[in-house]
Amino acid sequence: MTFRFSVVIPCYNEAAYIGEAVRSLQKQDFDGAYEIIVVDNNCTDDTARIAQDLGVRVVTETAPGVCNARQAGTTASSGEIVVSADADTTYAPDWLSKIDRGFRSGDDVVLVVGPCRYSDGPRWGRVFARSLFGAVHGAYRATGRTFYVSATNIAFRRDRWTGYDVHLTQGGDELDLLRRMRREGRVVYDHTNPTFTSGRRFTRGFFYNVFVCLFVFYLSAYAVNRLTGRRVIGSAPAFRGAARRRPSARLRLAAAGLVATLALFAFQQPRAYLAGKADSAVSYVHQHTLPGGVRW
């Protein structure tokens, strides 16, 4: 059978979510043929069994990491268009139909993407996602370019795909894929076709998600690993529970160091800036607090 779509879902211990994700994909109103592939990336729970019981194909990838898992799933798939999905995410019945519409808008379209919304978790997380993709949508309408994508909602033509960079971790299956596919043709962003993902990671708190997850394990890891061509910074610790955990001392120290560095480099000349502020403070104290006859 020839498939129009191959939906690839990488999994590491997603037994609590994979059933709902697969069932939402099986209820698509798309009238063409498509397959669902679940990649078992060293699961120790019932993820693979649940997926098999639902009748979808399960492949195994022992090399850890989301890029390794997506690479294995894409290689094993046979669809004309490969769709990147996530296990903790559900999909509206017309999701694949709208993706199909995006590709049919032109032969030069190589990538169709959409927004991600959080279905639960703290309110700030849901507001963050809507604000982020609102900005993505605004930039796309103004310039025709898409500057960010979510791995829960990416579809690409197999014959224009050049592979995932398996040295990368978070961001490699989003930012790097977007960068590569831009070279191959046109990217379509459909703001009317969101996915609905779990906000479980946000229960760790604002500090952890912004300064540890975003700056350390996403932006810094992507930049450093891509620059060096190897995995210098690994993946963020997997979050597979509802309880809020305090970040380790090592993570807090790394985040604090990164924030301090960013604060310094926010100025063109950080040393001159700090020296100038110190001189101003000394001058103020000298003028307002010292007796007239005292000199420094």
Protein backbone atom coordinates (compact mmCIF):
# COMPACT_ATOMS: atom_id res chain seq x y z
CA MET A 1 0.00 0.00 0.00
CA THR A 2 1.16 3.51 -0.80
CA PHE A 3 0.77 5.95 2.09
CA ARG A 4 0.24 9.66 1.70
CA PHE A 5 1.39 10.23 5.31
CA SER A 6 3.62 8.48 7.82
CA VAL A 7 3.07 9.83 11.34
CA VAL A 8 6.15 9.22 13.51
CA ILE A 9 5.89 9.34 17.32
CA PRO A 10 9.11 8.97 19.38
CA CYS A 11 8.53 7.56 22.86
CA TYR A 12 10.36 7.19 26.12
CA ASN A 13 8.07 5.85 28.87
CA GLU A 14 4.87 7.42 27.57
CA ALA A 15 2.39 4.76 28.72
CA ALA A 16 0.20 7.40 30.38
CA TYR A 17 -0.24 9.34 27.12
CA ILE A 18 0.41 7.19 24.05
CA GLY A 19 -3.06 5.62 23.97
CA GLU A 20 -4.89 8.93 23.73
CA ALA A 21 -2.42 10.25 21.14
CA VAL A 22 -2.80 7.21 18.89
CA ARG A 23 -6.59 7.13 19.17
CA SER A 24 -6.81 10.80 18.15
CA LEU A 25 -4.70 10.02 15.08
CA GLN A 26 -6.83 7.01 14.21
CA LYS A 27 -9.92 9.26 14.14
CA GLN A 28 -8.63 11.57 11.39
CA ASP A 29 -11.12 12.52 8.66
CA PHE A 30 -8.40 12.38 5.98
CA ASP A 31 -9.69 10.01 3.30
CA GLY A 32 -6.28 8.93 2.02
CA ALA A 33 -4.00 6.18 3.34
CA TYR A 34 -1.65 6.88 6.24
CA GLU A 35 0.38 4.91 8.76
CA ILE A 36 1.28 5.54 12.41
CA ILE A 37 4.73 4.53 13.63
CA VAL A 38 5.66 4.54 17.33
CA VAL A 39 9.39 4.48 18.10
CA ASP A 40 10.32 2.69 21.32
CA ASN A 41 13.37 4.62 22.51
CA ASN A 42 14.37 2.39 25.46
CA CYS A 43 10.97 2.41 27.17
CA THR A 44 10.75 0.47 30.43
CA ASP A 45 6.98 0.77 30.81
CA ASP A 46 4.01 -0.46 28.71
CA THR A 47 4.32 2.13 25.92
CA ALA A 48 5.17 -0.39 23.19
CA ARG A 49 2.50 -2.89 24.28
CA ILE A 50 -0.23 -0.22 24.35
CA ALA A 51 0.74 0.96 20.86
CA GLN A 52 0.79 -2.60 19.50
CA ASP A 53 -2.62 -3.35 21.06
CA LEU A 54 -3.98 -0.30 19.21
CA GLY A 55 -2.75 -1.77 15.94
CA VAL A 56 0.05 0.62 15.06
CA ARG A 57 3.55 -0.28 13.99
CA VAL A 58 6.29 -0.17 16.64
CA VAL A 59 9.98 0.12 15.79
CA THR A 60 12.86 0.08 18.27
CA GLU A 61 15.75 2.53 18.54
CA THR A 62 18.28 1.87 21.32
CA ALA A 63 20.41 4.99 20.77
CA PRO A 64 18.89 7.51 23.23
CA GLY A 65 17.64 10.88 22.12
CA VAL A 66 14.69 12.33 20.28
CA CYS A 67 16.64 12.92 17.05
CA ASN A 68 17.81 9.30 17.00
CA ALA A 69 14.23 8.16 17.56
CA ARG A 70 12.79 10.38 14.83
CA GLN A 71 15.56 9.33 12.44
CA ALA A 72 14.73 5.65 13.03
CA GLY A 73 11.00 6.19 12.64
CA THR A 74 11.38 8.23 9.46
CA THR A 75 13.77 5.71 7.93
CA ALA A 76 11.35 2.86 8.71
CA SER A 77 8.35 4.73 7.29
CA SER A 78 7.17 4.71 3.67
CA GLY A 79 4.78 7.66 3.33
CA GLU A 80 5.21 10.37 0.73
CA ILE A 81 5.02 12.92 3.56
CA VAL A 82 6.44 12.30 7.05
CA VAL A 83 4.59 13.91 9.95
CA SER A 84 6.39 14.62 13.22
CA ALA A 85 4.13 14.04 16.24
CA ASP A 86 4.54 13.57 20.00
CA ALA A 87 3.20 10.98 22.42
CA ASP A 88 1.82 13.46 24.96
CA THR A 89 -0.17 15.33 22.30
CA THR A 90 -3.64 14.93 20.78
CA TYR A 91 -4.79 15.91 17.32
CA ALA A 92 -8.04 17.34 15.98
CA PRO A 93 -9.89 15.13 13.44
CA ASP A 94 -9.05 17.46 10.54
CA TRP A 95 -5.36 17.82 11.40
CA LEU A 96 -4.02 15.64 8.55
CA SER A 97 -6.56 17.08 6.10
CA LYS A 98 -5.27 20.59 6.78
CA ILE A 99 -1.67 19.43 6.39
CA ASP A 100 -2.62 17.85 3.07
CA ARG A 101 -4.21 21.14 2.00
CA GLY A 102 -0.96 22.95 2.79
CA PHE A 103 1.10 20.66 0.57
CA ARG A 104 -1.41 20.91 -2.27
CA SER A 105 -1.06 24.70 -2.26
CA GLY A 106 2.08 24.43 -4.41
CA ASP A 107 4.64 21.97 -5.76
CA ASP A 108 7.38 24.03 -4.11
CA VAL A 109 6.04 23.36 -0.59
CA VAL A 110 8.42 21.08 1.33
CA LEU A 111 7.35 21.75 4.93
CA VAL A 112 3.95 22.40 6.54
CA VAL A 113 3.85 23.41 10.20
CA GLY A 114 1.40 24.75 12.76
CA PRO A 115 1.13 25.99 16.35
CA CYS A 116 1.18 24.03 19.58
CA ARG A 117 -1.19 24.73 22.45
CA TYR A 118 -0.98 23.36 25.97
CA SER A 119 -4.10 21.55 27.13
CA ASP A 120 -3.30 21.70 30.85
CA GLY A 121 -0.66 22.91 33.30
CA PRO A 122 -0.23 26.38 34.81
CA ARG A 123 -1.85 29.34 33.10
CA TRP A 124 1.45 31.09 32.40
CA GLY A 125 2.50 28.14 30.24
CA ARG A 126 -0.65 28.30 28.13
CA VAL A 127 -0.29 32.08 27.75
CA PHE A 128 3.37 31.64 26.77
CA ALA A 129 2.51 29.19 23.97
CA ARG A 130 -0.26 31.35 22.55
CA SER A 131 1.98 34.43 22.67
CA LEU A 132 4.90 32.61 21.04
CA PHE A 133 2.88 31.23 18.14
CA GLY A 134 0.97 34.48 17.85
CA ALA A 135 4.34 36.10 17.16
CA VAL A 136 5.28 33.31 14.73
CA HIS A 137 2.00 33.87 12.89
CA GLY A 138 2.50 37.65 12.77
CA ALA A 139 6.02 37.28 11.40
CA TYR A 140 4.84 34.76 8.80
CA ARG A 141 2.11 37.08 7.56
CA ALA A 142 4.52 40.01 7.39
CA THR A 143 7.52 38.27 5.83
CA GLY A 144 6.43 34.86 4.58
CA ARG A 145 9.05 33.22 6.81
CA THR A 146 8.58 30.89 9.77
CA PHE A 147 11.14 31.41 12.56
CA TYR A 148 10.03 28.68 14.97
CA VAL A 149 8.27 25.31 14.79
CA SER A 150 7.11 22.72 17.31
CA ALA A 151 8.07 19.07 16.81
CA THR A 152 4.47 18.18 17.68
CA ASN A 153 3.31 19.74 14.41
CA ILE A 154 5.74 19.37 11.50
CA ALA A 155 5.24 17.61 8.17
CA PHE A 156 7.85 17.33 5.40
CA ARG A 157 8.28 15.74 2.00
CA ARG A 158 10.33 12.56 2.26
CA ASP A 159 12.14 13.16 -1.04
CA ARG A 160 13.44 16.54 0.18
CA TRP A 161 14.46 15.35 3.66
CA THR A 162 18.20 15.25 4.35
CA GLY A 163 18.04 13.52 7.74
CA TYR A 164 18.12 14.56 11.39
CA ASP A 165 21.40 15.58 13.00
CA VAL A 166 21.66 12.88 15.68
CA HIS A 167 24.33 14.85 17.55
CA LEU A 168 21.59 17.27 18.59
CA THR A 169 19.06 16.94 21.39
CA GLN A 170 16.09 19.26 22.03
CA GLY A 171 15.83 21.71 19.17
CA GLY A 172 17.43 19.32 16.69
CA ASP A 173 14.04 17.98 15.62
CA GLU A 174 12.63 21.52 15.38
CA LEU A 175 15.08 24.36 14.68
CA ASP A 176 17.60 22.26 12.76
CA LEU A 177 14.94 20.53 10.67
CA LEU A 178 13.41 23.93 9.83
CA ARG A 179 16.85 25.26 8.85
CA ARG A 180 17.52 22.30 6.55
CA MET A 181 14.10 22.24 4.90
CA ARG A 182 14.18 25.99 4.16
CA ARG A 183 17.01 25.24 1.73
CA GLU A 184 14.82 22.74 -0.10
CA GLY A 185 11.74 24.84 -0.79
CA ARG A 186 8.81 26.75 0.66
CA VAL A 187 7.57 26.46 4.27
CA VAL A 188 3.85 26.90 4.96
CA TYR A 189 2.67 27.91 8.44
CA ASP A 190 -1.02 27.17 9.16
CA HIS A 191 -2.13 29.00 12.30
CA THR A 192 -5.59 27.36 12.11
CA ASN A 193 -4.19 23.84 12.63
CA PRO A 194 -2.90 23.54 16.23
CA THR A 195 -1.91 20.49 18.21
CA PHE A 196 -2.82 20.05 21.89
CA THR A 197 0.03 18.90 24.09
CA SER A 198 0.51 18.19 27.78
CA GLY A 199 1.76 21.01 29.99
CA ARG A 200 3.28 18.55 32.48
CA ARG A 201 6.77 20.02 32.18
CA PHE A 202 5.49 23.42 33.31
CA THR A 203 4.62 22.09 36.75
CA ARG A 204 8.32 22.28 37.54
CA GLY A 205 7.91 26.03 37.69
CA PHE A 206 8.78 29.14 35.75
CA PHE A 207 12.45 29.25 36.79
CA TYR A 208 13.20 25.68 35.73
CA ASN A 209 11.44 25.99 32.38
CA VAL A 210 12.88 29.36 31.38
CA PHE A 211 16.41 29.32 32.77
CA VAL A 212 17.21 25.60 32.84
CA CYS A 213 15.06 24.00 30.16
CA LEU A 214 14.99 26.84 27.61
CA PHE A 215 18.40 28.49 28.03
CA VAL A 216 20.54 25.49 29.05
CA PHE A 217 19.03 22.37 27.48
CA TYR A 218 17.41 23.98 24.43
CA LEU A 219 19.14 27.10 23.11
CA SER A 220 22.62 26.49 24.54
CA ALA A 221 22.58 22.76 23.76
CA TYR A 222 21.47 23.37 20.20
CA ALA A 223 24.14 26.02 19.59
CA VAL A 224 27.02 24.19 21.29
CA ASN A 225 26.24 20.72 19.93
CA ARG A 226 25.75 22.00 16.40
CA LEU A 227 28.96 24.06 16.57
CA THR A 228 31.09 21.17 17.89
CA GLY A 229 29.41 18.41 15.88
CA ARG A 230 28.99 16.26 18.97
CA ARG A 231 26.71 16.00 21.98
CA VAL A 232 28.46 18.21 24.54
CA ILE A 233 25.23 19.10 26.35
CA GLY A 234 22.80 16.21 26.72
CA SER A 235 19.02 16.09 26.89
CA ALA A 236 17.03 17.61 29.72
CA PRO A 237 16.03 15.07 32.37
CA ALA A 238 12.86 13.25 31.31
CA PHE A 239 9.76 14.42 33.14
CA ARG A 240 7.36 11.52 33.57
CA GLY A 241 5.23 12.41 36.57
CA ALA A 242 2.81 14.89 38.10
CA ALA A 243 4.89 15.78 41.16
CA ARG A 244 6.91 18.95 41.13
CA ARG A 245 10.59 18.36 41.74
CA ARG A 246 13.22 20.84 42.77
CA PRO A 247 15.99 21.24 40.19
CA SER A 248 19.32 19.74 41.25
CA ALA A 249 22.10 21.96 42.59
CA ARG A 250 24.11 21.39 39.41
CA LEU A 251 21.24 22.55 37.20
CA ARG A 252 20.62 25.61 39.36
CA LEU A 253 24.32 26.51 39.25
CA ALA A 254 24.46 26.10 35.46
CA ALA A 255 21.36 28.24 35.03
CA ALA A 256 22.71 30.95 37.35
CA GLY A 257 26.00 31.05 35.44
CA LEU A 258 24.22 31.30 32.12
CA VAL A 259 21.94 34.09 33.32
CA ALA A 260 24.92 36.04 34.67
CA THR A 261 26.75 35.63 31.36
CA LEU A 262 23.73 36.75 29.37
CA ALA A 263 23.29 39.75 31.64
CA LEU A 264 26.88 40.83 31.03
CA PHE A 265 26.70 40.35 27.27
CA ALA A 266 23.49 42.35 27.12
CA PHE A 267 25.80 45.36 27.00
CA GLN A 268 28.24 46.03 24.15
CA GLN A 269 31.04 46.76 26.60
CA PRO A 270 30.19 45.04 29.89
CA ARG A 271 33.45 45.93 31.63
CA ALA A 272 33.18 49.61 30.72
CA TYR A 273 29.54 49.62 31.79
CA LEU A 274 30.29 48.10 35.20
CA ALA A 275 33.29 50.38 35.74
CA GLY A 276 31.20 53.42 34.85
CA LYS A 277 28.49 52.42 37.32
CA ALA A 278 31.10 51.91 40.04
CA ASP A 279 32.58 55.39 39.40
CA SER A 280 29.10 56.91 39.54
CA ALA A 281 28.41 55.25 42.88
CA VAL A 282 31.70 56.48 44.35
CA SER A 283 31.03 60.00 43.07
CA TYR A 284 27.54 60.02 44.57
CA VAL A 285 28.79 58.90 47.98
CA HIS A 286 31.61 61.46 47.87
CA GLN A 287 29.25 64.34 47.12
CA HIS A 288 26.43 63.47 49.53
CA THR A 289 27.84 61.70 52.54
CA LEU A 290 31.42 62.74 53.17
CA PRO A 291 32.38 65.75 55.36
CA GLY A 292 33.70 68.72 53.46
CA GLY A 293 37.25 68.33 54.66
CA VAL A 294 37.61 64.61 53.92
CA ARG A 295 39.17 63.47 50.61
CA TRP A 296 39.53 60.01 49.10
